[in-house]
Amino acid sequence: MLRAMAKADLRDVLGTIRLPTLLLYGQDDQRSPLAVVKEFHDRMPDSELVVIPGAGHICNMEAPAEFNAHVRRFLRSLVSGKA
């Protein structure tokens, strides 16, 4: 099942996501190119892309304070209706 999901191309589904979505990306990510997350962002109408400098693929562990600050800000924006 893991292999099937890894090989699945679900990009066409991205445009159907109609919820505010935060995409957090580590600037030094070697596993997923920035072009991939930019494509996700472009295809998801209500998405916000944040690139975290100096972090890689596991940006939540490599830059936890900045990662958490972005998540908190995003969630607060949903509560206040500013997303």
Protein backbone atom coordinates (compact mmCIF):
# COMPACT_ATOMS: atom_id res chain seq x y z
CA MET A 1 0.00 0.00 0.00
CA LEU A 2 2.86 2.35 0.80
CA ARG A 3 4.37 1.82 -2.64
CA ALA A 4 1.02 2.43 -4.31
CA MET A 5 0.61 5.73 -2.47
CA ALA A 6 4.19 6.75 -3.28
CA LYS A 7 3.54 6.16 -6.97
CA ALA A 8 0.06 7.68 -7.05
CA ASP A 9 -0.23 10.98 -8.88
CA LEU A 10 -2.97 12.87 -7.09
CA ARG A 11 -2.15 16.35 -8.39
CA ASP A 12 -5.53 16.62 -10.11
CA VAL A 13 -7.21 16.31 -6.71
CA LEU A 14 -5.43 19.37 -5.30
CA GLY A 15 -7.76 21.79 -7.06
CA THR A 16 -10.74 20.28 -5.28
CA ILE A 17 -9.42 21.17 -1.83
CA ARG A 18 -11.49 24.16 -0.76
CA LEU A 19 -10.18 24.67 2.76
CA PRO A 20 -7.46 27.02 3.95
CA THR A 21 -4.25 25.00 3.83
CA LEU A 22 -0.82 25.85 5.19
CA LEU A 23 2.11 24.42 3.24
CA LEU A 24 5.34 24.58 5.24
CA TYR A 25 8.51 23.86 3.30
CA GLY A 26 12.13 23.70 4.41
CA GLN A 27 14.33 25.78 2.10
CA ASP A 28 17.08 23.14 2.20
CA ASP A 29 14.77 20.18 1.54
CA GLN A 30 16.70 17.70 -0.63
CA ARG A 31 13.89 15.13 -0.80
CA SER A 32 11.13 17.29 -2.26
CA PRO A 33 12.09 20.07 -4.67
CA LEU A 34 10.61 23.52 -4.14
CA ALA A 35 8.97 23.24 -7.56
CA VAL A 36 6.78 20.42 -6.21
CA VAL A 37 5.41 22.41 -3.28
CA LYS A 38 4.97 25.48 -5.52
CA GLU A 39 2.86 23.33 -7.84
CA PHE A 40 0.77 22.18 -4.86
CA HIS A 41 0.33 25.82 -3.82
CA ASP A 42 -0.62 26.90 -7.34
CA ARG A 43 -3.21 24.12 -7.62
CA MET A 44 -4.77 24.69 -4.17
CA PRO A 45 -6.78 27.91 -4.33
CA ASP A 46 -6.91 28.52 -0.57
CA SER A 47 -3.33 27.60 0.27
CA GLU A 48 -0.53 29.58 1.83
CA LEU A 49 3.09 28.61 1.20
CA VAL A 50 5.76 29.39 3.77
CA VAL A 51 9.41 28.56 3.11
CA ILE A 52 11.43 28.13 6.29
CA PRO A 53 15.05 29.19 5.77
CA GLY A 54 17.80 26.85 6.92
CA ALA A 55 15.47 23.86 7.38
CA GLY A 56 15.25 20.67 5.36
CA HIS A 57 12.61 18.02 4.79
CA ILE A 58 11.78 17.63 8.48
CA CYS A 59 11.36 21.35 9.10
CA ASN A 60 9.16 20.81 12.16
CA MET A 61 12.15 19.21 13.90
CA GLU A 62 14.90 21.29 12.30
CA ALA A 63 13.27 24.67 13.00
CA PRO A 64 10.58 23.92 15.61
CA ALA A 65 10.15 27.46 16.92
CA GLU A 66 9.61 28.95 13.46
CA PHE A 67 7.45 26.01 12.35
CA ASN A 68 5.23 26.30 15.44
CA ALA A 69 4.98 30.08 15.08
CA HIS A 70 3.65 29.70 11.52
CA VAL A 71 1.17 27.01 12.57
CA ARG A 72 -0.10 29.15 15.47
CA ARG A 73 -0.43 32.24 13.27
CA PHE A 74 -2.28 30.25 10.62
CA LEU A 75 -4.68 28.68 13.13
CA ARG A 76 -5.35 32.06 14.74
CA SER A 77 -6.15 33.47 11.32
CA LEU A 78 -8.77 30.76 10.86
CA VAL A 79 -10.39 31.59 14.19
CA SER A 80 -10.39 35.31 13.45
CA GLY A 81 -11.71 34.73 9.93
CA LYS A 82 -8.66 36.24 8.19
CA ALA A 83 -7.54 33.11 6.33
